[in-house]
């Protein structure tokens, strides 16, 4: 995400995170008068198309990856067969963030929305 490799970002997200993002973009584009199918949105994100670039650019305006990548300490949390947690302690935060990871199709995926989504929706 930080490097602008949005197809790679998309490929490591959990199915639930992808579904939430697709639904959000679908609703937003519909309100703006555009007519995209959810399948078209998914394909756009998979190739780093215009919707993907617009979404991730705005996302990064509100979520600084450096806070997690460079300014935080990471440690393993709960480990289960198909899900695990990584505890992220930011140096200025009172409470840690718990990054949720899910094994899907034998590959670990990031639960971005499951972890960082606020109660805004």
PDB file of N, CA and C in Angstrom:
ATOM      1  N   UNK A   1       0.828  -1.185   0.000  1.00  0.00           N
ATOM      2  CA  UNK A   1       0.000   0.000   0.000  1.00  0.00           C
ATOM      3  C   UNK A   1       0.873   1.251   0.000  1.00  0.00           C
ATOM      4  N   UNK A   2       1.837   1.268   0.896  1.00  0.00           N
ATOM      5  CA  UNK A   2       2.715   2.432   1.027  1.00  0.00           C
ATOM      6  C   UNK A   2       3.457   2.710  -0.275  1.00  0.00           C
ATOM      7  N   UNK A   3       3.854   1.661  -0.980  1.00  0.00           N
ATOM      8  CA  UNK A   3       4.617   1.793  -2.217  1.00  0.00           C
ATOM      9  C   UNK A   3       3.728   2.018  -3.432  1.00  0.00           C
ATOM     10  N   UNK A   4       2.428   2.012  -3.247  1.00  0.00           N
ATOM     11  CA  UNK A   4       1.515   2.211  -4.367  1.00  0.00           C
ATOM     12  C   UNK A   4       1.280   0.965  -5.196  1.00  0.00           C
ATOM     13  N   UNK A   5       1.668  -0.196  -4.680  1.00  0.00           N
ATOM     14  CA  UNK A   5       1.426  -1.441  -5.394  1.00  0.00           C
ATOM     15  C   UNK A   5       0.052  -1.964  -4.976  1.00  0.00           C
ATOM     16  N   UNK A   6      -0.967  -1.355  -5.548  1.00  0.00           N
ATOM     17  CA  UNK A   6      -2.332  -1.654  -5.133  1.00  0.00           C
ATOM     18  C   UNK A   6      -2.816  -3.042  -5.549  1.00  0.00           C
ATOM     19  N   UNK A   7      -2.393  -3.585  -6.695  1.00  0.00           N
ATOM     20  CA  UNK A   7      -2.773  -4.972  -6.985  1.00  0.00           C
ATOM     21  C   UNK A   7      -2.216  -5.942  -5.933  1.00  0.00           C
ATOM     22  N   UNK A   8      -0.988  -5.724  -5.477  1.00  0.00           N
ATOM     23  CA  UNK A   8      -0.404  -6.579  -4.439  1.00  0.00           C
ATOM     24  C   UNK A   8      -1.169  -6.403  -3.129  1.00  0.00           C
ATOM     25  N   UNK A   9      -1.490  -5.146  -2.799  1.00  0.00           N
ATOM     26  CA  UNK A   9      -2.282  -4.874  -1.596  1.00  0.00           C
ATOM     27  C   UNK A   9      -3.590  -5.657  -1.652  1.00  0.00           C
ATOM     28  N   UNK A  10      -4.265  -5.593  -2.780  1.00  0.00           N
ATOM     29  CA  UNK A  10      -5.544  -6.283  -2.949  1.00  0.00           C
ATOM     30  C   UNK A  10      -5.379  -7.788  -2.792  1.00  0.00           C
ATOM     31  N   UNK A  11      -4.283  -8.327  -3.315  1.00  0.00           N
ATOM     32  CA  UNK A  11      -4.089  -9.779  -3.310  1.00  0.00           C
ATOM     33  C   UNK A  11      -3.857 -10.343  -1.913  1.00  0.00           C
ATOM     34  N   UNK A  12      -3.422  -9.517  -0.960  1.00  0.00           N
ATOM     35  CA  UNK A  12      -3.149 -10.042   0.380  1.00  0.00           C
ATOM     36  C   UNK A  12      -4.275  -9.773   1.374  1.00  0.00           C
ATOM     37  N   UNK A  13      -5.351  -9.156   0.907  1.00  0.00           N
ATOM     38  CA  UNK A  13      -6.475  -8.880   1.802  1.00  0.00           C
ATOM     39  C   UNK A  13      -7.380 -10.089   1.954  1.00  0.00           C
ATOM     40  N   UNK A  14      -7.994 -10.199   3.125  1.00  0.00           N
ATOM     41  CA  UNK A  14      -8.970 -11.262   3.373  1.00  0.00           C
ATOM     42  C   UNK A  14     -10.194 -11.051   2.484  1.00  0.00           C
ATOM     43  N   UNK A  15     -10.915 -12.110   2.255  1.00  0.00           N
ATOM     44  CA  UNK A  15     -12.141 -12.019   1.452  1.00  0.00           C
ATOM     45  C   UNK A  15     -13.148 -11.064   2.103  1.00  0.00           C
ATOM     46  N   UNK A  16     -13.226 -11.074   3.417  1.00  0.00           N
ATOM     47  CA  UNK A  16     -14.153 -10.177   4.103  1.00  0.00           C
ATOM     48  C   UNK A  16     -13.748  -8.719   3.890  1.00  0.00           C
ATOM     49  N   UNK A  17     -12.462  -8.420   3.981  1.00  0.00           N
ATOM     50  CA  UNK A  17     -12.000  -7.054   3.740  1.00  0.00           C
ATOM     51  C   UNK A  17     -12.330  -6.624   2.310  1.00  0.00           C
ATOM     52  N   UNK A  18     -12.057  -7.496   1.358  1.00  0.00           N
ATOM     53  CA  UNK A  18     -12.376  -7.182  -0.034  1.00  0.00           C
ATOM     54  C   UNK A  18     -13.865  -6.918  -0.209  1.00  0.00           C
ATOM     55  N   UNK A  19     -14.689  -7.763   0.377  1.00  0.00           N
ATOM     56  CA  UNK A  19     -16.136  -7.621   0.263  1.00  0.00           C
ATOM     57  C   UNK A  19     -16.609  -6.279   0.834  1.00  0.00           C
ATOM     58  N   UNK A  20     -16.076  -5.899   1.977  1.00  0.00           N
ATOM     59  CA  UNK A  20     -16.452  -4.630   2.602  1.00  0.00           C
ATOM     60  C   UNK A  20     -16.050  -3.461   1.705  1.00  0.00           C
ATOM     61  N   UNK A  21     -14.832  -3.510   1.184  1.00  0.00           N
ATOM     62  CA  UNK A  21     -14.353  -2.431   0.311  1.00  0.00           C
ATOM     63  C   UNK A  21     -15.179  -2.365  -0.962  1.00  0.00           C
ATOM     64  N   UNK A  22     -15.442  -3.503  -1.574  1.00  0.00           N
ATOM     65  CA  UNK A  22     -16.257  -3.534  -2.793  1.00  0.00           C
ATOM     66  C   UNK A  22     -17.635  -2.939  -2.517  1.00  0.00           C
ATOM     67  N   UNK A  23     -18.261  -3.318  -1.418  1.00  0.00           N
ATOM     68  CA  UNK A  23     -19.573  -2.770  -1.077  1.00  0.00           C
ATOM     69  C   UNK A  23     -19.513  -1.260  -0.886  1.00  0.00           C
ATOM     70  N   UNK A  24     -18.483  -0.774  -0.201  1.00  0.00           N
ATOM     71  CA  UNK A  24     -18.333   0.664   0.017  1.00  0.00           C
ATOM     72  C   UNK A  24     -18.178   1.414  -1.305  1.00  0.00           C
ATOM     73  N   UNK A  25     -17.330   0.903  -2.181  1.00  0.00           N
ATOM     74  CA  UNK A  25     -17.088   1.550  -3.472  1.00  0.00           C
ATOM     75  C   UNK A  25     -18.340   1.476  -4.341  1.00  0.00           C
ATOM     76  N   UNK A  26     -19.010   0.346  -4.307  1.00  0.00           N
ATOM     77  CA  UNK A  26     -20.254   0.180  -5.068  1.00  0.00           C
ATOM     78  C   UNK A  26     -21.293   1.225  -4.663  1.00  0.00           C
ATOM     79  N   UNK A  27     -21.467   1.410  -3.366  1.00  0.00           N
ATOM     80  CA  UNK A  27     -22.425   2.399  -2.867  1.00  0.00           C
ATOM     81  C   UNK A  27     -22.002   3.814  -3.237  1.00  0.00           C
ATOM     82  N   UNK A  28     -20.722   4.108  -3.074  1.00  0.00           N
ATOM     83  CA  UNK A  28     -20.219   5.457  -3.360  1.00  0.00           C
ATOM     84  C   UNK A  28     -20.327   5.802  -4.844  1.00  0.00           C
ATOM     85  N   UNK A  29     -19.988   4.855  -5.709  1.00  0.00           N
ATOM     86  CA  UNK A  29     -20.065   5.138  -7.145  1.00  0.00           C
ATOM     87  C   UNK A  29     -21.520   5.249  -7.589  1.00  0.00           C
ATOM     88  N   UNK A  30     -22.393   4.461  -6.973  1.00  0.00           N
ATOM     89  CA  UNK A  30     -23.815   4.568  -7.288  1.00  0.00           C
ATOM     90  C   UNK A  30     -24.374   5.930  -6.915  1.00  0.00           C
ATOM     91  N   UNK A  31     -23.995   6.421  -5.740  1.00  0.00           N
ATOM     92  CA  UNK A  31     -24.441   7.746  -5.307  1.00  0.00           C
ATOM     93  C   UNK A  31     -23.903   8.838  -6.220  1.00  0.00           C
ATOM     94  N   UNK A  32     -22.736   8.591  -6.806  1.00  0.00           N
ATOM     95  CA  UNK A  32     -22.116   9.572  -7.702  1.00  0.00           C
ATOM     96  C   UNK A  32     -22.661   9.472  -9.123  1.00  0.00           C
ATOM     97  N   UNK A  33     -23.567   8.525  -9.339  1.00  0.00           N
ATOM     98  CA  UNK A  33     -24.194   8.388 -10.646  1.00  0.00           C
ATOM     99  C   UNK A  33     -23.483   7.445 -11.598  1.00  0.00           C
ATOM    100  N   UNK A  34     -22.460   6.740 -11.128  1.00  0.00           N
ATOM    101  CA  UNK A  34     -21.762   5.773 -11.973  1.00  0.00           C
ATOM    102  C   UNK A  34     -22.415   4.409 -11.813  1.00  0.00           C
ATOM    103  N   UNK A  35     -22.255   3.576 -12.811  1.00  0.00           N
ATOM    104  CA  UNK A  35     -22.874   2.248 -12.728  1.00  0.00           C
ATOM    105  C   UNK A  35     -21.808   1.168 -12.910  1.00  0.00           C
ATOM    106  N   UNK A  36     -21.216   0.768 -11.804  1.00  0.00           N
ATOM    107  CA  UNK A  36     -20.253  -0.315 -11.790  1.00  0.00           C
ATOM    108  C   UNK A  36     -20.899  -1.518 -11.120  1.00  0.00           C
ATOM    109  N   UNK A  37     -20.588  -2.695 -11.627  1.00  0.00           N
ATOM    110  CA  UNK A  37     -21.003  -3.904 -10.927  1.00  0.00           C
ATOM    111  C   UNK A  37     -19.945  -4.201  -9.866  1.00  0.00           C
ATOM    112  N   UNK A  38     -20.318  -5.013  -8.902  1.00  0.00           N
ATOM    113  CA  UNK A  38     -19.348  -5.401  -7.877  1.00  0.00           C
ATOM    114  C   UNK A  38     -18.206  -6.201  -8.497  1.00  0.00           C
ATOM    115  N   UNK A  39     -18.507  -6.983  -9.517  1.00  0.00           N
ATOM    116  CA  UNK A  39     -17.471  -7.754 -10.204  1.00  0.00           C
ATOM    117  C   UNK A  39     -16.483  -6.824 -10.897  1.00  0.00           C
ATOM    118  N   UNK A  40     -16.983  -5.752 -11.520  1.00  0.00           N
ATOM    119  CA  UNK A  40     -16.108  -4.788 -12.192  1.00  0.00           C
ATOM    120  C   UNK A  40     -15.215  -4.068 -11.187  1.00  0.00           C
ATOM    121  N   UNK A  41     -15.760  -3.767 -10.023  1.00  0.00           N
ATOM    122  CA  UNK A  41     -14.971  -3.114  -8.971  1.00  0.00           C
ATOM    123  C   UNK A  41     -13.866  -4.047  -8.509  1.00  0.00           C
ATOM    124  N   UNK A  42     -14.190  -5.310  -8.290  1.00  0.00           N
ATOM    125  CA  UNK A  42     -13.192  -6.301  -7.880  1.00  0.00           C
ATOM    126  C   UNK A  42     -12.076  -6.385  -8.924  1.00  0.00           C
ATOM    127  N   UNK A  43     -12.427  -6.456 -10.191  1.00  0.00           N
ATOM    128  CA  UNK A  43     -11.422  -6.539 -11.259  1.00  0.00           C
ATOM    129  C   UNK A  43     -10.563  -5.283 -11.296  1.00  0.00           C
ATOM    130  N   UNK A  44     -11.171  -4.127 -11.108  1.00  0.00           N
ATOM    131  CA  UNK A  44     -10.434  -2.865 -11.098  1.00  0.00           C
ATOM    132  C   UNK A  44      -9.391  -2.869  -9.980  1.00  0.00           C
ATOM    133  N   UNK A  45      -9.781  -3.311  -8.801  1.00  0.00           N
ATOM    134  CA  UNK A  45      -8.847  -3.366  -7.672  1.00  0.00           C
ATOM    135  C   UNK A  45      -7.741  -4.395  -7.919  1.00  0.00           C
ATOM    136  N   UNK A  46      -8.071  -5.488  -8.569  1.00  0.00           N
ATOM    137  CA  UNK A  46      -7.083  -6.535  -8.842  1.00  0.00           C
ATOM    138  C   UNK A  46      -5.987  -6.058  -9.795  1.00  0.00           C
ATOM    139  N   UNK A  47      -6.322  -5.124 -10.690  1.00  0.00           N
ATOM    140  CA  UNK A  47      -5.319  -4.639 -11.654  1.00  0.00           C
ATOM    141  C   UNK A  47      -4.781  -3.254 -11.303  1.00  0.00           C
ATOM    142  N   UNK A  48      -5.284  -2.667 -10.221  1.00  0.00           N
ATOM    143  CA  UNK A  48      -4.820  -1.328  -9.855  1.00  0.00           C
ATOM    144  C   UNK A  48      -5.389  -0.248 -10.753  1.00  0.00           C
ATOM    145  N   UNK A  49      -6.652  -0.417 -11.125  1.00  0.00           N
ATOM    146  CA  UNK A  49      -7.314   0.535 -12.009  1.00  0.00           C
ATOM    147  C   UNK A  49      -7.666   1.845 -11.334  1.00  0.00           C
ATOM    148  N   UNK A  50      -8.431   2.658 -12.033  1.00  0.00           N
ATOM    149  CA  UNK A  50      -8.747   4.011 -11.578  1.00  0.00           C
ATOM    150  C   UNK A  50      -9.510   4.019 -10.253  1.00  0.00           C
ATOM    151  N   UNK A  51     -10.434   3.112 -10.065  1.00  0.00           N
ATOM    152  CA  UNK A  51     -11.168   3.052  -8.793  1.00  0.00           C
ATOM    153  C   UNK A  51     -10.226   2.679  -7.650  1.00  0.00           C
ATOM    154  N   UNK A  52      -9.358   1.724  -7.911  1.00  0.00           N
ATOM    155  CA  UNK A  52      -8.393   1.276  -6.918  1.00  0.00           C
ATOM    156  C   UNK A  52      -7.456   2.412  -6.510  1.00  0.00           C
ATOM    157  N   UNK A  53      -6.882   3.086  -7.476  1.00  0.00           N
ATOM    158  CA  UNK A  53      -5.952   4.181  -7.179  1.00  0.00           C
ATOM    159  C   UNK A  53      -6.655   5.275  -6.389  1.00  0.00           C
ATOM    160  N   UNK A  54      -7.862   5.617  -6.797  1.00  0.00           N
ATOM    161  CA  UNK A  54      -8.625   6.647  -6.091  1.00  0.00           C
ATOM    162  C   UNK A  54      -8.902   6.221  -4.651  1.00  0.00           C
ATOM    163  N   UNK A  55      -9.334   4.992  -4.462  1.00  0.00           N
ATOM    164  CA  UNK A  55      -9.660   4.486  -3.135  1.00  0.00           C
ATOM    165  C   UNK A  55      -8.439   4.484  -2.232  1.00  0.00           C
ATOM    166  N   UNK A  56      -7.328   3.878  -2.700  1.00  0.00           N
ATOM    167  CA  UNK A  56      -6.149   3.740  -1.845  1.00  0.00           C
ATOM    168  C   UNK A  56      -5.472   5.085  -1.579  1.00  0.00           C
ATOM    169  N   UNK A  57      -5.532   5.993  -2.537  1.00  0.00           N
ATOM    170  CA  UNK A  57      -4.980   7.328  -2.308  1.00  0.00           C
ATOM    171  C   UNK A  57      -5.729   8.007  -1.167  1.00  0.00           C
ATOM    172  N   UNK A  58      -7.034   7.917  -1.191  1.00  0.00           N
ATOM    173  CA  UNK A  58      -7.853   8.501  -0.123  1.00  0.00           C
ATOM    174  C   UNK A  58      -7.639   7.751   1.197  1.00  0.00           C
ATOM    175  N   UNK A  59      -7.510   6.458   1.134  1.00  0.00           N
ATOM    176  CA  UNK A  59      -7.299   5.642   2.335  1.00  0.00           C
ATOM    177  C   UNK A  59      -6.017   6.076   3.037  1.00  0.00           C
ATOM    178  N   UNK A  60      -4.960   6.248   2.262  1.00  0.00           N
ATOM    179  CA  UNK A  60      -3.669   6.615   2.835  1.00  0.00           C
ATOM    180  C   UNK A  60      -3.692   8.033   3.415  1.00  0.00           C
ATOM    181  N   UNK A  61      -4.564   8.882   2.920  1.00  0.00           N
ATOM    182  CA  UNK A  61      -4.713  10.215   3.512  1.00  0.00           C
ATOM    183  C   UNK A  61      -5.211  10.126   4.955  1.00  0.00           C
ATOM    184  N   UNK A  62      -5.944   9.055   5.261  1.00  0.00           N
ATOM    185  CA  UNK A  62      -6.531   8.876   6.591  1.00  0.00           C
ATOM    186  C   UNK A  62      -5.852   7.803   7.436  1.00  0.00           C
ATOM    187  N   UNK A  63      -4.959   7.043   6.841  1.00  0.00           N
ATOM    188  CA  UNK A  63      -4.275   5.959   7.535  1.00  0.00           C
ATOM    189  C   UNK A  63      -2.822   5.949   7.087  1.00  0.00           C
ATOM    190  N   UNK A  64      -1.934   6.341   7.956  1.00  0.00           N
ATOM    191  CA  UNK A  64      -0.519   6.408   7.621  1.00  0.00           C
ATOM    192  C   UNK A  64       0.140   5.052   7.862  1.00  0.00           C
ATOM    193  N   UNK A  65       0.521   4.339   6.811  1.00  0.00           N
ATOM    194  CA  UNK A  65       1.145   3.027   6.994  1.00  0.00           C
ATOM    195  C   UNK A  65       2.413   3.075   7.845  1.00  0.00           C
ATOM    196  N   UNK A  66       3.127   4.196   7.844  1.00  0.00           N
ATOM    197  CA  UNK A  66       4.350   4.300   8.646  1.00  0.00           C
ATOM    198  C   UNK A  66       4.072   4.160  10.140  1.00  0.00           C
ATOM    199  N   UNK A  67       2.876   4.551  10.571  1.00  0.00           N
ATOM    200  CA  UNK A  67       2.541   4.386  11.984  1.00  0.00           C
ATOM    201  C   UNK A  67       2.612   2.924  12.393  1.00  0.00           C
ATOM    202  N   UNK A  68       2.231   2.058  11.485  1.00  0.00           N
ATOM    203  CA  UNK A  68       2.236   0.623  11.758  1.00  0.00           C
ATOM    204  C   UNK A  68       3.576  -0.008  11.394  1.00  0.00           C
ATOM    205  N   UNK A  69       4.118   0.384  10.255  1.00  0.00           N
ATOM    206  CA  UNK A  69       5.316  -0.275   9.746  1.00  0.00           C
ATOM    207  C   UNK A  69       6.614   0.172  10.412  1.00  0.00           C
ATOM    208  N   UNK A  70       6.726   1.446  10.700  1.00  0.00           N
ATOM    209  CA  UNK A  70       8.005   1.967  11.173  1.00  0.00           C
ATOM    210  C   UNK A  70       7.978   2.512  12.603  1.00  0.00           C
ATOM    211  N   UNK A  71       6.810   2.851  13.098  1.00  0.00           N
ATOM    212  CA  UNK A  71       6.732   3.491  14.407  1.00  0.00           C
ATOM    213  C   UNK A  71       6.063   2.620  15.458  1.00  0.00           C
ATOM    214  N   UNK A  72       6.000   1.331  15.192  1.00  0.00           N
ATOM    215  CA  UNK A  72       5.324   0.420  16.114  1.00  0.00           C
ATOM    216  C   UNK A  72       6.157  -0.826  16.359  1.00  0.00           C
ATOM    217  N   UNK A  73       5.901  -1.431  17.494  1.00  0.00           N
ATOM    218  CA  UNK A  73       6.518  -2.713  17.850  1.00  0.00           C
ATOM    219  C   UNK A  73       5.485  -3.806  17.608  1.00  0.00           C
ATOM    220  N   UNK A  74       5.910  -4.896  17.006  1.00  0.00           N
ATOM    221  CA  UNK A  74       5.018  -6.005  16.681  1.00  0.00           C
ATOM    222  C   UNK A  74       5.355  -7.212  17.549  1.00  0.00           C
ATOM    223  N   UNK A  75       4.313  -7.926  17.970  1.00  0.00           N
ATOM    224  CA  UNK A  75       4.521  -9.205  18.650  1.00  0.00           C
ATOM    225  C   UNK A  75       3.354 -10.125  18.316  1.00  0.00           C
ATOM    226  N   UNK A  76       3.612 -11.414  18.399  1.00  0.00           N
ATOM    227  CA  UNK A  76       2.569 -12.385  18.090  1.00  0.00           C
ATOM    228  C   UNK A  76       1.553 -12.436  19.214  1.00  0.00           C
ATOM    229  N   UNK A  77       0.313 -12.531  18.809  1.00  0.00           N
ATOM    230  CA  UNK A  77      -0.775 -12.698  19.759  1.00  0.00           C
ATOM    231  C   UNK A  77      -1.293 -14.113  19.661  1.00  0.00           C
ATOM    232  N   UNK A  78      -2.594 -14.247  19.747  1.00  0.00           N
ATOM    233  CA  UNK A  78      -3.238 -15.560  19.689  1.00  0.00           C
ATOM    234  C   UNK A  78      -2.986 -16.217  18.327  1.00  0.00           C
ATOM    235  N   UNK A  79      -2.638 -17.490  18.359  1.00  0.00           N
ATOM    236  CA  UNK A  79      -2.381 -18.244  17.133  1.00  0.00           C
ATOM    237  C   UNK A  79      -3.322 -19.438  17.097  1.00  0.00           C
ATOM    238  N   UNK A  80      -4.092 -19.525  16.054  1.00  0.00           N
ATOM    239  CA  UNK A  80      -4.971 -20.665  15.821  1.00  0.00           C
ATOM    240  C   UNK A  80      -4.679 -21.215  14.434  1.00  0.00           C
ATOM    241  N   UNK A  81      -5.328 -22.279  14.089  1.00  0.00           N
ATOM    242  CA  UNK A  81      -5.038 -22.933  12.813  1.00  0.00           C
ATOM    243  C   UNK A  81      -5.288 -22.018  11.614  1.00  0.00           C
ATOM    244  N   UNK A  82      -6.435 -21.348  11.582  1.00  0.00           N
ATOM    245  CA  UNK A  82      -6.806 -20.546  10.422  1.00  0.00           C
ATOM    246  C   UNK A  82      -6.950 -19.061  10.705  1.00  0.00           C
ATOM    247  N   UNK A  83      -6.509 -18.660  11.880  1.00  0.00           N
ATOM    248  CA  UNK A  83      -6.518 -17.229  12.201  1.00  0.00           C
ATOM    249  C   UNK A  83      -5.466 -16.960  13.262  1.00  0.00           C
ATOM    250  N   UNK A  84      -4.931 -15.789  13.205  1.00  0.00           N
ATOM    251  CA  UNK A  84      -3.942 -15.390  14.192  1.00  0.00           C
ATOM    252  C   UNK A  84      -4.037 -13.887  14.400  1.00  0.00           C
ATOM    253  N   UNK A  85      -3.389 -13.428  15.432  1.00  0.00           N
ATOM    254  CA  UNK A  85      -3.398 -12.006  15.728  1.00  0.00           C
ATOM    255  C   UNK A  85      -1.960 -11.530  15.920  1.00  0.00           C
ATOM    256  N   UNK A  86      -1.695 -10.350  15.415  1.00  0.00           N
ATOM    257  CA  UNK A  86      -0.414  -9.692  15.630  1.00  0.00           C
ATOM    258  C   UNK A  86      -0.714  -8.429  16.427  1.00  0.00           C
ATOM    259  N   UNK A  87      -0.036  -8.289  17.551  1.00  0.00           N
ATOM    260  CA  UNK A  87      -0.261  -7.139  18.428  1.00  0.00           C
ATOM    261  C   UNK A  87       0.697  -6.035  18.010  1.00  0.00           C
ATOM    262  N   UNK A  88       0.135  -4.887  17.697  1.00  0.00           N
ATOM    263  CA  UNK A  88       0.924  -3.756  17.221  1.00  0.00           C
ATOM    264  C   UNK A  88       0.837  -2.635  18.252  1.00  0.00           C
ATOM    265  N   UNK A  89       1.977  -2.310  18.840  1.00  0.00           N
ATOM    266  CA  UNK A  89       2.051  -1.254  19.855  1.00  0.00           C
ATOM    267  C   UNK A  89       2.689  -0.014  19.233  1.00  0.00           C
ATOM    268  N   UNK A  90       1.887   1.015  19.008  1.00  0.00           N
ATOM    269  CA  UNK A  90       2.455   2.279  18.535  1.00  0.00           C
ATOM    270  C   UNK A  90       2.990   3.022  19.740  1.00  0.00           C
ATOM    271  N   UNK A  91       4.111   3.689  19.558  1.00  0.00           N
ATOM    272  CA  UNK A  91       4.786   4.331  20.684  1.00  0.00           C
ATOM    273  C   UNK A  91       3.948   5.393  21.387  1.00  0.00           C
ATOM    274  N   UNK A  92       2.962   5.981  20.715  1.00  0.00           N
ATOM    275  CA  UNK A  92       2.149   7.028  21.342  1.00  0.00           C
ATOM    276  C   UNK A  92       0.727   6.573  21.662  1.00  0.00           C
ATOM    277  N   UNK A  93       0.405   5.329  21.361  1.00  0.00           N
ATOM    278  CA  UNK A  93      -0.957   4.840  21.585  1.00  0.00           C
ATOM    279  C   UNK A  93      -1.107   4.253  22.984  1.00  0.00           C
ATOM    280  N   UNK A  94      -2.256   4.461  23.567  1.00  0.00           N
ATOM    281  CA  UNK A  94      -2.525   3.888  24.879  1.00  0.00           C
ATOM    282  C   UNK A  94      -2.810   2.404  24.809  1.00  0.00           C
ATOM    283  N   UNK A  95      -3.489   1.995  23.741  1.00  0.00           N
ATOM    284  CA  UNK A  95      -3.843   0.590  23.567  1.00  0.00           C
ATOM    285  C   UNK A  95      -3.259   0.082  22.259  1.00  0.00           C
ATOM    286  N   UNK A  96      -2.886  -1.190  22.206  1.00  0.00           N
ATOM    287  CA  UNK A  96      -2.362  -1.731  20.946  1.00  0.00           C
ATOM    288  C   UNK A  96      -3.489  -2.006  19.948  1.00  0.00           C
ATOM    289  N   UNK A  97      -3.119  -2.070  18.690  1.00  0.00           N
ATOM    290  CA  UNK A  97      -4.025  -2.554  17.646  1.00  0.00           C
ATOM    291  C   UNK A  97      -3.780  -4.055  17.511  1.00  0.00           C
ATOM    292  N   UNK A  98      -4.826  -4.781  17.254  1.00  0.00           N
ATOM    293  CA  UNK A  98      -4.705  -6.224  17.071  1.00  0.00           C
ATOM    294  C   UNK A  98      -4.972  -6.527  15.603  1.00  0.00           C
ATOM    295  N   UNK A  99      -3.903  -6.768  14.845  1.00  0.00           N
ATOM    296  CA  UNK A  99      -4.022  -7.075  13.426  1.00  0.00           C
ATOM    297  C   UNK A  99      -4.518  -8.506  13.266  1.00  0.00           C
ATOM    298  N   UNK A 100      -5.634  -8.653  12.605  1.00  0.00           N
ATOM    299  CA  UNK A 100      -6.237  -9.972  12.414  1.00  0.00           C
ATOM    300  C   UNK A 100      -5.804 -10.544  11.071  1.00  0.00           C
ATOM    301  N   UNK A 101      -5.328 -11.775  11.126  1.00  0.00           N
ATOM    302  CA  UNK A 101      -4.868 -12.489   9.941  1.00  0.00           C
ATOM    303  C   UNK A 101      -5.696 -13.767   9.800  1.00  0.00           C
ATOM    304  N   UNK A 102      -5.990 -14.131   8.547  1.00  0.00           N
ATOM    305  CA  UNK A 102      -6.820 -15.301   8.282  1.00  0.00           C
ATOM    306  C   UNK A 102      -6.170 -16.173   7.212  1.00  0.00           C
ATOM    307  N   UNK A 103      -6.185 -17.474   7.442  1.00  0.00           N
ATOM    308  CA  UNK A 103      -5.683 -18.401   6.425  1.00  0.00           C
ATOM    309  C   UNK A 103      -6.846 -18.709   5.484  1.00  0.00           C
ATOM    310  N   UNK A 104      -6.659 -18.344   4.232  1.00  0.00           N
ATOM    311  CA  UNK A 104      -7.673 -18.589   3.208  1.00  0.00           C
ATOM    312  C   UNK A 104      -7.004 -19.284   2.034  1.00  0.00           C
ATOM    313  N   UNK A 105      -7.466 -20.466   1.709  1.00  0.00           N
ATOM    314  CA  UNK A 105      -6.860 -21.218   0.616  1.00  0.00           C
ATOM    315  C   UNK A 105      -5.406 -21.560   0.881  1.00  0.00           C
ATOM    316  N   UNK A 106      -5.063 -21.752   2.148  1.00  0.00           N
ATOM    317  CA  UNK A 106      -3.704 -22.110   2.520  1.00  0.00           C
ATOM    318  C   UNK A 106      -2.729 -20.943   2.583  1.00  0.00           C
ATOM    319  N   UNK A 107      -3.235 -19.715   2.402  1.00  0.00           N
ATOM    320  CA  UNK A 107      -2.386 -18.521   2.396  1.00  0.00           C
ATOM    321  C   UNK A 107      -2.882 -17.554   3.462  1.00  0.00           C
ATOM    322  N   UNK A 108      -1.959 -16.930   4.198  1.00  0.00           N
ATOM    323  CA  UNK A 108      -2.347 -15.946   5.204  1.00  0.00           C
ATOM    324  C   UNK A 108      -2.725 -14.638   4.539  1.00  0.00           C
ATOM    325  N   UNK A 109      -3.883 -14.112   4.931  1.00  0.00           N
ATOM    326  CA  UNK A 109      -4.409 -12.862   4.385  1.00  0.00           C
ATOM    327  C   UNK A 109      -4.607 -11.855   5.513  1.00  0.00           C
ATOM    328  N   UNK A 110      -4.486 -10.591   5.170  1.00  0.00           N
ATOM    329  CA  UNK A 110      -4.618  -9.509   6.141  1.00  0.00           C
ATOM    330  C   UNK A 110      -6.085  -9.108   6.281  1.00  0.00           C
ATOM    331  N   UNK A 111      -6.556  -9.072   7.499  1.00  0.00           N
ATOM    332  CA  UNK A 111      -7.903  -8.599   7.791  1.00  0.00           C
ATOM    333  C   UNK A 111      -7.871  -7.088   8.015  1.00  0.00           C
ATOM    334  N   UNK A 112      -7.623  -6.343   6.956  1.00  0.00           N
ATOM    335  CA  UNK A 112      -7.488  -4.888   7.064  1.00  0.00           C
ATOM    336  C   UNK A 112      -8.744  -4.244   7.628  1.00  0.00           C
ATOM    337  N   UNK A 113      -9.866  -4.548   7.038  1.00  0.00           N
ATOM    338  CA  UNK A 113     -11.128  -3.973   7.511  1.00  0.00           C
ATOM    339  C   UNK A 113     -11.534  -4.563   8.853  1.00  0.00           C
ATOM    340  N   UNK A 114     -11.275  -5.839   9.055  1.00  0.00           N
ATOM    341  CA  UNK A 114     -11.609  -6.467  10.329  1.00  0.00           C
ATOM    342  C   UNK A 114     -10.804  -5.851  11.475  1.00  0.00           C
ATOM    343  N   UNK A 115      -9.635  -5.326  11.159  1.00  0.00           N
ATOM    344  CA  UNK A 115      -8.752  -4.747  12.172  1.00  0.00           C
ATOM    345  C   UNK A 115      -8.961  -3.252  12.341  1.00  0.00           C
ATOM    346  N   UNK A 116      -8.928  -2.508  11.244  1.00  0.00           N
ATOM    347  CA  UNK A 116      -8.850  -1.054  11.334  1.00  0.00           C
ATOM    348  C   UNK A 116     -10.137  -0.306  11.011  1.00  0.00           C
ATOM    349  N   UNK A 117     -11.152  -1.005  10.585  1.00  0.00           N
ATOM    350  CA  UNK A 117     -12.404  -0.309  10.251  1.00  0.00           C
ATOM    351  C   UNK A 117     -12.981   0.329  11.504  1.00  0.00           C
ATOM    352  N   UNK A 118     -13.337   1.562  11.382  1.00  0.00           N
ATOM    353  CA  UNK A 118     -13.937   2.270  12.513  1.00  0.00           C
ATOM    354  C   UNK A 118     -15.436   2.034  12.508  1.00  0.00           C
ATOM    355  N   UNK A 119     -16.088   2.517  13.505  1.00  0.00           N
ATOM    356  CA  UNK A 119     -17.537   2.340  13.594  1.00  0.00           C
ATOM    357  C   UNK A 119     -18.275   3.388  12.778  1.00  0.00           C
ATOM    358  N   UNK A 120     -17.626   3.931  11.769  1.00  0.00           N
ATOM    359  CA  UNK A 120     -18.213   4.998  10.959  1.00  0.00           C
ATOM    360  C   UNK A 120     -19.370   4.517  10.096  1.00  0.00           C
ATOM    361  N   UNK A 121     -19.485   3.199   9.923  1.00  0.00           N
ATOM    362  CA  UNK A 121     -20.543   2.711   9.028  1.00  0.00           C
ATOM    363  C   UNK A 121     -21.413   1.719   9.715  1.00  0.00           C
TER     364      UNK A 121
END
